[in-house]
């Protein structure tokens, strides 16, 4: 069985993914992120049909400690954050966490 991509964030963030065909999403308006983002993340992590969770890097600051630890430690689904620039842990670390090896490691 194939797994799906899910996107979590503001309606502005999720709309592009939805237009590209992502069917699983959680819209959390910016003004409600402190209250509702944790629940949206936990629902998505508990969905067995989801293999990749996409969030904006800035939204990580709205998560409680428990929710942040859950997404950062999750192997399946794997979390991919976008929009954070080079200082956010980077895509290299996300790929390493997802597949278990560093593809860019130099000998």
PDB file of N, CA and C in Angstrom:
ATOM      1  N   UNK A   1       0.841  -1.182   0.000  1.00  0.00           N
ATOM      2  CA  UNK A   1       0.000   0.000   0.000  1.00  0.00           C
ATOM      3  C   UNK A   1       0.884   1.243   0.000  1.00  0.00           C
ATOM      4  N   UNK A   2       0.602   2.169  -0.864  1.00  0.00           N
ATOM      5  CA  UNK A   2       1.391   3.396  -0.917  1.00  0.00           C
ATOM      6  C   UNK A   2       0.874   4.386   0.116  1.00  0.00           C
ATOM      7  N   UNK A   3       1.787   5.230   0.557  1.00  0.00           N
ATOM      8  CA  UNK A   3       1.423   6.230   1.544  1.00  0.00           C
ATOM      9  C   UNK A   3       1.345   7.592   0.884  1.00  0.00           C
ATOM     10  N   UNK A   4       0.665   8.499   1.574  1.00  0.00           N
ATOM     11  CA  UNK A   4       0.412   9.810   1.017  1.00  0.00           C
ATOM     12  C   UNK A   4       1.234  10.883   1.710  1.00  0.00           C
ATOM     13  N   UNK A   5       1.299  12.027   1.055  1.00  0.00           N
ATOM     14  CA  UNK A   5       1.888  13.230   1.637  1.00  0.00           C
ATOM     15  C   UNK A   5       0.775  14.000   2.315  1.00  0.00           C
ATOM     16  N   UNK A   6       1.049  14.528   3.493  1.00  0.00           N
ATOM     17  CA  UNK A   6       0.107  15.407   4.189  1.00  0.00           C
ATOM     18  C   UNK A   6       0.801  16.729   4.440  1.00  0.00           C
ATOM     19  N   UNK A   7       0.046  17.799   4.387  1.00  0.00           N
ATOM     20  CA  UNK A   7       0.593  19.130   4.630  1.00  0.00           C
ATOM     21  C   UNK A   7      -0.199  19.778   5.765  1.00  0.00           C
ATOM     22  N   UNK A   8       0.530  20.439   6.661  1.00  0.00           N
ATOM     23  CA  UNK A   8      -0.073  21.108   7.811  1.00  0.00           C
ATOM     24  C   UNK A   8       0.381  22.553   7.814  1.00  0.00           C
ATOM     25  N   UNK A   9      -0.557  23.465   7.988  1.00  0.00           N
ATOM     26  CA  UNK A   9      -0.184  24.870   8.091  1.00  0.00           C
ATOM     27  C   UNK A   9      -1.341  25.791   7.787  1.00  0.00           C
ATOM     28  N   UNK A  10      -0.989  27.032   7.558  1.00  0.00           N
ATOM     29  CA  UNK A  10      -2.002  28.039   7.251  1.00  0.00           C
ATOM     30  C   UNK A  10      -2.629  27.715   5.894  1.00  0.00           C
ATOM     31  N   UNK A  11      -3.850  28.201   5.676  1.00  0.00           N
ATOM     32  CA  UNK A  11      -4.472  27.979   4.361  1.00  0.00           C
ATOM     33  C   UNK A  11      -3.605  28.486   3.216  1.00  0.00           C
ATOM     34  N   UNK A  12      -2.885  29.582   3.410  1.00  0.00           N
ATOM     35  CA  UNK A  12      -1.984  30.085   2.367  1.00  0.00           C
ATOM     36  C   UNK A  12      -0.888  29.078   2.042  1.00  0.00           C
ATOM     37  N   UNK A  13      -0.375  28.393   3.057  1.00  0.00           N
ATOM     38  CA  UNK A  13       0.695  27.409   2.873  1.00  0.00           C
ATOM     39  C   UNK A  13       0.174  26.129   2.223  1.00  0.00           C
ATOM     40  N   UNK A  14      -0.992  25.668   2.642  1.00  0.00           N
ATOM     41  CA  UNK A  14      -1.498  24.379   2.169  1.00  0.00           C
ATOM     42  C   UNK A  14      -2.121  24.430   0.778  1.00  0.00           C
ATOM     43  N   UNK A  15      -2.576  25.605   0.359  1.00  0.00           N
ATOM     44  CA  UNK A  15      -3.300  25.713  -0.913  1.00  0.00           C
ATOM     45  C   UNK A  15      -2.485  25.224  -2.110  1.00  0.00           C
ATOM     46  N   UNK A  16      -1.229  25.605  -2.201  1.00  0.00           N
ATOM     47  CA  UNK A  16      -0.396  25.173  -3.323  1.00  0.00           C
ATOM     48  C   UNK A  16      -0.240  23.666  -3.372  1.00  0.00           C
ATOM     49  N   UNK A  17      -0.091  23.049  -2.218  1.00  0.00           N
ATOM     50  CA  UNK A  17       0.030  21.592  -2.164  1.00  0.00           C
ATOM     51  C   UNK A  17      -1.279  20.932  -2.591  1.00  0.00           C
ATOM     52  N   UNK A  18      -2.377  21.499  -2.158  1.00  0.00           N
ATOM     53  CA  UNK A  18      -3.682  20.952  -2.526  1.00  0.00           C
ATOM     54  C   UNK A  18      -3.900  21.055  -4.035  1.00  0.00           C
ATOM     55  N   UNK A  19      -3.496  22.177  -4.621  1.00  0.00           N
ATOM     56  CA  UNK A  19      -3.627  22.337  -6.071  1.00  0.00           C
ATOM     57  C   UNK A  19      -2.730  21.357  -6.828  1.00  0.00           C
ATOM     58  N   UNK A  20      -1.628  20.943  -6.190  1.00  0.00           N
ATOM     59  CA  UNK A  20      -0.713  19.980  -6.806  1.00  0.00           C
ATOM     60  C   UNK A  20      -1.164  18.539  -6.597  1.00  0.00           C
ATOM     61  N   UNK A  21      -2.275  18.341  -5.884  1.00  0.00           N
ATOM     62  CA  UNK A  21      -2.821  17.001  -5.733  1.00  0.00           C
ATOM     63  C   UNK A  21      -2.698  16.375  -4.366  1.00  0.00           C
ATOM     64  N   UNK A  22      -2.136  17.086  -3.387  1.00  0.00           N
ATOM     65  CA  UNK A  22      -2.056  16.541  -2.029  1.00  0.00           C
ATOM     66  C   UNK A  22      -3.466  16.558  -1.437  1.00  0.00           C
ATOM     67  N   UNK A  23      -3.931  15.376  -1.047  1.00  0.00           N
ATOM     68  CA  UNK A  23      -5.313  15.257  -0.558  1.00  0.00           C
ATOM     69  C   UNK A  23      -5.441  15.363   0.950  1.00  0.00           C
ATOM     70  N   UNK A  24      -4.382  15.057   1.658  1.00  0.00           N
ATOM     71  CA  UNK A  24      -4.440  15.119   3.121  1.00  0.00           C
ATOM     72  C   UNK A  24      -3.816  16.421   3.599  1.00  0.00           C
ATOM     73  N   UNK A  25      -4.590  17.189   4.345  1.00  0.00           N
ATOM     74  CA  UNK A  25      -4.088  18.473   4.826  1.00  0.00           C
ATOM     75  C   UNK A  25      -4.817  18.870   6.095  1.00  0.00           C
ATOM     76  N   UNK A  26      -4.179  19.714   6.851  1.00  0.00           N
ATOM     77  CA  UNK A  26      -4.762  20.315   8.053  1.00  0.00           C
ATOM     78  C   UNK A  26      -4.539  21.809   7.947  1.00  0.00           C
ATOM     79  N   UNK A  27      -5.619  22.564   7.760  1.00  0.00           N
ATOM     80  CA  UNK A  27      -5.524  24.014   7.735  1.00  0.00           C
ATOM     81  C   UNK A  27      -5.610  24.548   9.159  1.00  0.00           C
ATOM     82  N   UNK A  28      -4.600  25.301   9.564  1.00  0.00           N
ATOM     83  CA  UNK A  28      -4.587  25.931  10.878  1.00  0.00           C
ATOM     84  C   UNK A  28      -4.271  27.413  10.657  1.00  0.00           C
ATOM     85  N   UNK A  29      -5.289  28.276  10.771  1.00  0.00           N
ATOM     86  CA  UNK A  29      -5.046  29.710  10.563  1.00  0.00           C
ATOM     87  C   UNK A  29      -3.960  30.239  11.501  1.00  0.00           C
ATOM     88  N   UNK A  30      -3.202  31.220  11.038  1.00  0.00           N
ATOM     89  CA  UNK A  30      -2.087  31.766  11.816  1.00  0.00           C
ATOM     90  C   UNK A  30      -2.495  32.170  13.220  1.00  0.00           C
ATOM     91  N   UNK A  31      -3.650  32.790  13.364  1.00  0.00           N
ATOM     92  CA  UNK A  31      -4.073  33.275  14.677  1.00  0.00           C
ATOM     93  C   UNK A  31      -4.513  32.152  15.619  1.00  0.00           C
ATOM     94  N   UNK A  32      -4.602  30.917  15.122  1.00  0.00           N
ATOM     95  CA  UNK A  32      -5.023  29.788  15.953  1.00  0.00           C
ATOM     96  C   UNK A  32      -3.927  28.735  16.128  1.00  0.00           C
ATOM     97  N   UNK A  33      -2.739  29.011  15.640  1.00  0.00           N
ATOM     98  CA  UNK A  33      -1.677  27.993  15.675  1.00  0.00           C
ATOM     99  C   UNK A  33      -1.287  27.587  17.085  1.00  0.00           C
ATOM    100  N   UNK A  34      -1.204  28.532  18.007  1.00  0.00           N
ATOM    101  CA  UNK A  34      -0.807  28.170  19.366  1.00  0.00           C
ATOM    102  C   UNK A  34      -1.812  27.220  20.012  1.00  0.00           C
ATOM    103  N   UNK A  35      -3.089  27.343  19.652  1.00  0.00           N
ATOM    104  CA  UNK A  35      -4.122  26.505  20.254  1.00  0.00           C
ATOM    105  C   UNK A  35      -4.382  25.209  19.493  1.00  0.00           C
ATOM    106  N   UNK A  36      -4.234  25.222  18.167  1.00  0.00           N
ATOM    107  CA  UNK A  36      -4.709  24.099  17.357  1.00  0.00           C
ATOM    108  C   UNK A  36      -3.640  23.303  16.624  1.00  0.00           C
ATOM    109  N   UNK A  37      -2.425  23.829  16.525  1.00  0.00           N
ATOM    110  CA  UNK A  37      -1.403  23.154  15.714  1.00  0.00           C
ATOM    111  C   UNK A  37      -1.000  21.806  16.295  1.00  0.00           C
ATOM    112  N   UNK A  38      -0.866  21.712  17.612  1.00  0.00           N
ATOM    113  CA  UNK A  38      -0.500  20.433  18.233  1.00  0.00           C
ATOM    114  C   UNK A  38      -1.480  19.325  17.850  1.00  0.00           C
ATOM    115  N   UNK A  39      -2.777  19.614  17.968  1.00  0.00           N
ATOM    116  CA  UNK A  39      -3.784  18.596  17.648  1.00  0.00           C
ATOM    117  C   UNK A  39      -3.727  18.197  16.182  1.00  0.00           C
ATOM    118  N   UNK A  40      -3.533  19.172  15.299  1.00  0.00           N
ATOM    119  CA  UNK A  40      -3.445  18.871  13.864  1.00  0.00           C
ATOM    120  C   UNK A  40      -2.242  17.976  13.577  1.00  0.00           C
ATOM    121  N   UNK A  41      -1.116  18.275  14.205  1.00  0.00           N
ATOM    122  CA  UNK A  41       0.098  17.474  14.002  1.00  0.00           C
ATOM    123  C   UNK A  41      -0.094  16.056  14.528  1.00  0.00           C
ATOM    124  N   UNK A  42      -0.652  15.924  15.711  1.00  0.00           N
ATOM    125  CA  UNK A  42      -0.818  14.590  16.295  1.00  0.00           C
ATOM    126  C   UNK A  42      -1.812  13.748  15.488  1.00  0.00           C
ATOM    127  N   UNK A  43      -2.886  14.359  14.995  1.00  0.00           N
ATOM    128  CA  UNK A  43      -3.834  13.622  14.137  1.00  0.00           C
ATOM    129  C   UNK A  43      -3.131  13.108  12.890  1.00  0.00           C
ATOM    130  N   UNK A  44      -2.280  13.942  12.311  1.00  0.00           N
ATOM    131  CA  UNK A  44      -1.588  13.557  11.086  1.00  0.00           C
ATOM    132  C   UNK A  44      -0.561  12.459  11.357  1.00  0.00           C
ATOM    133  N   UNK A  45       0.177  12.574  12.455  1.00  0.00           N
ATOM    134  CA  UNK A  45       1.152  11.534  12.793  1.00  0.00           C
ATOM    135  C   UNK A  45       0.481  10.194  13.056  1.00  0.00           C
ATOM    136  N   UNK A  46      -0.746  10.221  13.565  1.00  0.00           N
ATOM    137  CA  UNK A  46      -1.472   8.983  13.872  1.00  0.00           C
ATOM    138  C   UNK A  46      -2.157   8.362  12.654  1.00  0.00           C
ATOM    139  N   UNK A  47      -2.155   9.053  11.526  1.00  0.00           N
ATOM    140  CA  UNK A  47      -2.797   8.564  10.310  1.00  0.00           C
ATOM    141  C   UNK A  47      -1.860   7.576   9.606  1.00  0.00           C
ATOM    142  N   UNK A  48      -2.259   6.316   9.564  1.00  0.00           N
ATOM    143  CA  UNK A  48      -1.418   5.273   8.969  1.00  0.00           C
ATOM    144  C   UNK A  48      -1.228   5.436   7.468  1.00  0.00           C
ATOM    145  N   UNK A  49      -2.063   6.236   6.821  1.00  0.00           N
ATOM    146  CA  UNK A  49      -1.953   6.440   5.380  1.00  0.00           C
ATOM    147  C   UNK A  49      -0.924   7.499   5.006  1.00  0.00           C
ATOM    148  N   UNK A  50      -0.360   8.195   5.993  1.00  0.00           N
ATOM    149  CA  UNK A  50       0.575   9.298   5.733  1.00  0.00           C
ATOM    150  C   UNK A  50       2.009   8.812   5.891  1.00  0.00           C
ATOM    151  N   UNK A  51       2.848   9.089   4.868  1.00  0.00           N
ATOM    152  CA  UNK A  51       4.256   8.721   4.915  1.00  0.00           C
ATOM    153  C   UNK A  51       5.177   9.921   5.051  1.00  0.00           C
ATOM    154  N   UNK A  52       4.712  11.079   4.586  1.00  0.00           N
ATOM    155  CA  UNK A  52       5.495  12.316   4.658  1.00  0.00           C
ATOM    156  C   UNK A  52       4.588  13.433   5.147  1.00  0.00           C
ATOM    157  N   UNK A  53       5.054  14.182   6.135  1.00  0.00           N
ATOM    158  CA  UNK A  53       4.338  15.351   6.649  1.00  0.00           C
ATOM    159  C   UNK A  53       5.149  16.582   6.286  1.00  0.00           C
ATOM    160  N   UNK A  54       4.515  17.540   5.637  1.00  0.00           N
ATOM    161  CA  UNK A  54       5.170  18.778   5.236  1.00  0.00           C
ATOM    162  C   UNK A  54       4.617  19.915   6.085  1.00  0.00           C
ATOM    163  N   UNK A  55       5.528  20.700   6.664  1.00  0.00           N
ATOM    164  CA  UNK A  55       5.161  21.874   7.448  1.00  0.00           C
ATOM    165  C   UNK A  55       6.115  23.011   7.114  1.00  0.00           C
ATOM    166  N   UNK A  56       5.704  24.233   7.415  1.00  0.00           N
ATOM    167  CA  UNK A  56       6.610  25.372   7.302  1.00  0.00           C
ATOM    168  C   UNK A  56       7.503  25.379   8.532  1.00  0.00           C
ATOM    169  N   UNK A  57       8.770  25.673   8.342  1.00  0.00           N
ATOM    170  CA  UNK A  57       9.729  25.661   9.442  1.00  0.00           C
ATOM    171  C   UNK A  57       9.314  26.602  10.574  1.00  0.00           C
ATOM    172  N   UNK A  58       8.744  27.744  10.252  1.00  0.00           N
ATOM    173  CA  UNK A  58       8.326  28.706  11.276  1.00  0.00           C
ATOM    174  C   UNK A  58       7.253  28.144  12.201  1.00  0.00           C
ATOM    175  N   UNK A  59       6.462  27.184  11.717  1.00  0.00           N
ATOM    176  CA  UNK A  59       5.393  26.616  12.535  1.00  0.00           C
ATOM    177  C   UNK A  59       5.923  25.743  13.665  1.00  0.00           C
ATOM    178  N   UNK A  60       7.147  25.291  13.567  1.00  0.00           N
ATOM    179  CA  UNK A  60       7.717  24.471  14.638  1.00  0.00           C
ATOM    180  C   UNK A  60       7.744  25.230  15.960  1.00  0.00           C
ATOM    181  N   UNK A  61       7.887  26.546  15.905  1.00  0.00           N
ATOM    182  CA  UNK A  61       7.928  27.354  17.126  1.00  0.00           C
ATOM    183  C   UNK A  61       6.582  27.379  17.845  1.00  0.00           C
ATOM    184  N   UNK A  62       5.500  27.051  17.150  1.00  0.00           N
ATOM    185  CA  UNK A  62       4.162  27.047  17.748  1.00  0.00           C
ATOM    186  C   UNK A  62       3.836  25.728  18.436  1.00  0.00           C
ATOM    187  N   UNK A  63       4.657  24.714  18.229  1.00  0.00           N
ATOM    188  CA  UNK A  63       4.375  23.402  18.815  1.00  0.00           C
ATOM    189  C   UNK A  63       4.814  23.341  20.267  1.00  0.00           C
ATOM    190  N   UNK A  64       4.073  22.569  21.042  1.00  0.00           N
ATOM    191  CA  UNK A  64       4.489  22.302  22.422  1.00  0.00           C
ATOM    192  C   UNK A  64       5.719  21.400  22.388  1.00  0.00           C
ATOM    193  N   UNK A  65       6.369  21.274  23.514  1.00  0.00           N
ATOM    194  CA  UNK A  65       7.560  20.423  23.592  1.00  0.00           C
ATOM    195  C   UNK A  65       7.232  18.980  23.189  1.00  0.00           C
ATOM    196  N   UNK A  66       6.115  18.448  23.693  1.00  0.00           N
ATOM    197  CA  UNK A  66       5.750  17.059  23.386  1.00  0.00           C
ATOM    198  C   UNK A  66       5.484  16.850  21.906  1.00  0.00           C
ATOM    199  N   UNK A  67       4.754  17.778  21.288  1.00  0.00           N
ATOM    200  CA  UNK A  67       4.456  17.649  19.862  1.00  0.00           C
ATOM    201  C   UNK A  67       5.731  17.801  19.031  1.00  0.00           C
ATOM    202  N   UNK A  68       6.594  18.729  19.424  1.00  0.00           N
ATOM    203  CA  UNK A  68       7.847  18.925  18.694  1.00  0.00           C
ATOM    204  C   UNK A  68       8.711  17.673  18.779  1.00  0.00           C
ATOM    205  N   UNK A  69       8.805  17.076  19.956  1.00  0.00           N
ATOM    206  CA  UNK A  69       9.593  15.844  20.104  1.00  0.00           C
ATOM    207  C   UNK A  69       8.992  14.706  19.281  1.00  0.00           C
ATOM    208  N   UNK A  70       7.662  14.665  19.201  1.00  0.00           N
ATOM    209  CA  UNK A  70       7.005  13.610  18.423  1.00  0.00           C
ATOM    210  C   UNK A  70       7.335  13.735  16.942  1.00  0.00           C
ATOM    211  N   UNK A  71       7.272  14.950  16.389  1.00  0.00           N
ATOM    212  CA  UNK A  71       7.550  15.100  14.958  1.00  0.00           C
ATOM    213  C   UNK A  71       9.036  14.968  14.654  1.00  0.00           C
ATOM    214  N   UNK A  72       9.887  15.472  15.541  1.00  0.00           N
ATOM    215  CA  UNK A  72      11.322  15.385  15.282  1.00  0.00           C
ATOM    216  C   UNK A  72      11.826  13.955  15.403  1.00  0.00           C
ATOM    217  N   UNK A  73      11.177  13.153  16.223  1.00  0.00           N
ATOM    218  CA  UNK A  73      11.595  11.769  16.406  1.00  0.00           C
ATOM    219  C   UNK A  73      10.873  10.782  15.515  1.00  0.00           C
ATOM    220  N   UNK A  74       9.917  11.254  14.746  1.00  0.00           N
ATOM    221  CA  UNK A  74       9.112  10.368  13.916  1.00  0.00           C
ATOM    222  C   UNK A  74       9.920   9.868  12.716  1.00  0.00           C
ATOM    223  N   UNK A  75       9.933   8.565  12.546  1.00  0.00           N
ATOM    224  CA  UNK A  75      10.572   7.953  11.388  1.00  0.00           C
ATOM    225  C   UNK A  75       9.534   7.764  10.285  1.00  0.00           C
ATOM    226  N   UNK A  76       8.359   7.318  10.653  1.00  0.00           N
ATOM    227  CA  UNK A  76       7.274   7.152   9.694  1.00  0.00           C
ATOM    228  C   UNK A  76       5.981   7.581  10.344  1.00  0.00           C
ATOM    229  N   UNK A  77       5.394   8.652   9.928  1.00  0.00           N
ATOM    230  CA  UNK A  77       5.794   9.470   8.791  1.00  0.00           C
ATOM    231  C   UNK A  77       6.997  10.350   9.127  1.00  0.00           C
ATOM    232  N   UNK A  78       7.726  10.721   8.106  1.00  0.00           N
ATOM    233  CA  UNK A  78       8.871  11.596   8.266  1.00  0.00           C
ATOM    234  C   UNK A  78       8.397  13.035   8.076  1.00  0.00           C
ATOM    235  N   UNK A  79       8.953  13.946   8.863  1.00  0.00           N
ATOM    236  CA  UNK A  79       8.617  15.356   8.764  1.00  0.00           C
ATOM    237  C   UNK A  79       9.600  16.061   7.847  1.00  0.00           C
ATOM    238  N   UNK A  80       9.070  16.861   6.927  1.00  0.00           N
ATOM    239  CA  UNK A  80       9.881  17.721   6.073  1.00  0.00           C
ATOM    240  C   UNK A  80       9.410  19.140   6.312  1.00  0.00           C
ATOM    241  N   UNK A  81      10.343  20.016   6.724  1.00  0.00           N
ATOM    242  CA  UNK A  81       9.980  21.420   6.909  1.00  0.00           C
ATOM    243  C   UNK A  81      10.536  22.232   5.752  1.00  0.00           C
ATOM    244  N   UNK A  82       9.790  23.221   5.351  1.00  0.00           N
ATOM    245  CA  UNK A  82      10.167  24.072   4.231  1.00  0.00           C
ATOM    246  C   UNK A  82      10.223  25.525   4.685  1.00  0.00           C
ATOM    247  N   UNK A  83      11.066  26.305   4.021  1.00  0.00           N
ATOM    248  CA  UNK A  83      11.065  27.740   4.229  1.00  0.00           C
ATOM    249  C   UNK A  83      11.947  28.248   5.327  1.00  0.00           C
ATOM    250  N   UNK A  84      12.788  27.404   5.903  1.00  0.00           N
ATOM    251  CA  UNK A  84      13.593  27.844   7.025  1.00  0.00           C
ATOM    252  C   UNK A  84      14.981  28.335   6.662  1.00  0.00           C
ATOM    253  N   UNK A  85      15.406  28.162   5.445  1.00  0.00           N
ATOM    254  CA  UNK A  85      16.755  28.577   5.068  1.00  0.00           C
ATOM    255  C   UNK A  85      17.793  27.612   5.601  1.00  0.00           C
ATOM    256  N   UNK A  86      19.042  28.002   5.510  1.00  0.00           N
ATOM    257  CA  UNK A  86      20.157  27.122   5.863  1.00  0.00           C
ATOM    258  C   UNK A  86      20.260  26.869   7.354  1.00  0.00           C
ATOM    259  N   UNK A  87      19.759  27.754   8.182  1.00  0.00           N
ATOM    260  CA  UNK A  87      19.922  27.610   9.620  1.00  0.00           C
ATOM    261  C   UNK A  87      18.892  26.733  10.289  1.00  0.00           C
ATOM    262  N   UNK A  88      18.045  26.058   9.559  1.00  0.00           N
ATOM    263  CA  UNK A  88      16.942  25.324  10.166  1.00  0.00           C
ATOM    264  C   UNK A  88      17.192  23.827  10.284  1.00  0.00           C
ATOM    265  N   UNK A  89      18.409  23.404  10.192  1.00  0.00           N
ATOM    266  CA  UNK A  89      18.679  21.975  10.234  1.00  0.00           C
ATOM    267  C   UNK A  89      18.878  21.423   8.840  1.00  0.00           C
ATOM    268  N   UNK A  90      18.236  22.019   7.874  1.00  0.00           N
ATOM    269  CA  UNK A  90      18.491  21.750   6.480  1.00  0.00           C
ATOM    270  C   UNK A  90      17.893  20.473   5.950  1.00  0.00           C
ATOM    271  N   UNK A  91      17.760  20.464   4.647  1.00  0.00           N
ATOM    272  CA  UNK A  91      17.226  19.311   3.943  1.00  0.00           C
ATOM    273  C   UNK A  91      18.134  18.102   4.096  1.00  0.00           C
ATOM    274  N   UNK A  92      19.438  18.328   4.188  1.00  0.00           N
ATOM    275  CA  UNK A  92      20.386  17.219   4.350  1.00  0.00           C
ATOM    276  C   UNK A  92      20.061  16.402   5.601  1.00  0.00           C
ATOM    277  N   UNK A  93      19.794  17.067   6.711  1.00  0.00           N
ATOM    278  CA  UNK A  93      19.461  16.358   7.952  1.00  0.00           C
ATOM    279  C   UNK A  93      18.119  15.644   7.844  1.00  0.00           C
ATOM    280  N   UNK A  94      17.169  16.252   7.154  1.00  0.00           N
ATOM    281  CA  UNK A  94      15.862  15.618   6.981  1.00  0.00           C
ATOM    282  C   UNK A  94      15.981  14.348   6.150  1.00  0.00           C
ATOM    283  N   UNK A  95      16.782  14.391   5.099  1.00  0.00           N
ATOM    284  CA  UNK A  95      16.992  13.208   4.271  1.00  0.00           C
ATOM    285  C   UNK A  95      17.724  12.132   5.065  1.00  0.00           C
ATOM    286  N   UNK A  96      18.719  12.536   5.814  1.00  0.00           N
ATOM    287  CA  UNK A  96      19.477  11.586   6.635  1.00  0.00           C
ATOM    288  C   UNK A  96      18.561  10.882   7.633  1.00  0.00           C
ATOM    289  N   UNK A  97      17.671  11.651   8.271  1.00  0.00           N
ATOM    290  CA  UNK A  97      16.740  11.065   9.234  1.00  0.00           C
ATOM    291  C   UNK A  97      15.769  10.122   8.533  1.00  0.00           C
ATOM    292  N   UNK A  98      15.348  10.487   7.309  1.00  0.00           N
ATOM    293  CA  UNK A  98      14.348   9.690   6.603  1.00  0.00           C
ATOM    294  C   UNK A  98      14.897   8.353   6.125  1.00  0.00           C
ATOM    295  N   UNK A  99      16.135   8.344   5.599  1.00  0.00           N
ATOM    296  CA  UNK A  99      16.648   7.107   5.011  1.00  0.00           C
ATOM    297  C   UNK A  99      17.754   6.450   5.831  1.00  0.00           C
ATOM    298  N   UNK A 100      18.250   7.168   6.843  1.00  0.00           N
ATOM    299  CA  UNK A 100      19.210   6.564   7.747  1.00  0.00           C
ATOM    300  C   UNK A 100      20.672   6.708   7.374  1.00  0.00           C
ATOM    301  N   UNK A 101      20.969   7.339   6.249  1.00  0.00           N
ATOM    302  CA  UNK A 101      22.377   7.554   5.876  1.00  0.00           C
ATOM    303  C   UNK A 101      22.545   8.964   5.344  1.00  0.00           C
ATOM    304  N   UNK A 102      23.766   9.451   5.412  1.00  0.00           N
ATOM    305  CA  UNK A 102      24.113  10.786   4.893  1.00  0.00           C
ATOM    306  C   UNK A 102      24.635  10.617   3.487  1.00  0.00           C
ATOM    307  N   UNK A 103      23.818  10.990   2.497  1.00  0.00           N
ATOM    308  CA  UNK A 103      24.214  10.820   1.102  1.00  0.00           C
ATOM    309  C   UNK A 103      25.323  11.757   0.690  1.00  0.00           C
ATOM    310  N   UNK A 104      25.540  12.832   1.445  1.00  0.00           N
ATOM    311  CA  UNK A 104      26.547  13.836   1.068  1.00  0.00           C
ATOM    312  C   UNK A 104      27.821  13.729   1.893  1.00  0.00           C
ATOM    313  N   UNK A 105      27.910  12.673   2.682  1.00  0.00           N
ATOM    314  CA  UNK A 105      29.088  12.498   3.537  1.00  0.00           C
ATOM    315  C   UNK A 105      30.335  12.307   2.676  1.00  0.00           C
ATOM    316  N   UNK A 106      31.382  13.022   3.052  1.00  0.00           N
ATOM    317  CA  UNK A 106      32.642  12.887   2.348  1.00  0.00           C
ATOM    318  C   UNK A 106      33.526  11.876   3.061  1.00  0.00           C
ATOM    319  N   UNK A 107      34.299  11.121   2.283  1.00  0.00           N
ATOM    320  CA  UNK A 107      35.169  10.095   2.885  1.00  0.00           C
ATOM    321  C   UNK A 107      36.347  10.716   3.591  1.00  0.00           C
TER     322      UNK A 107
END
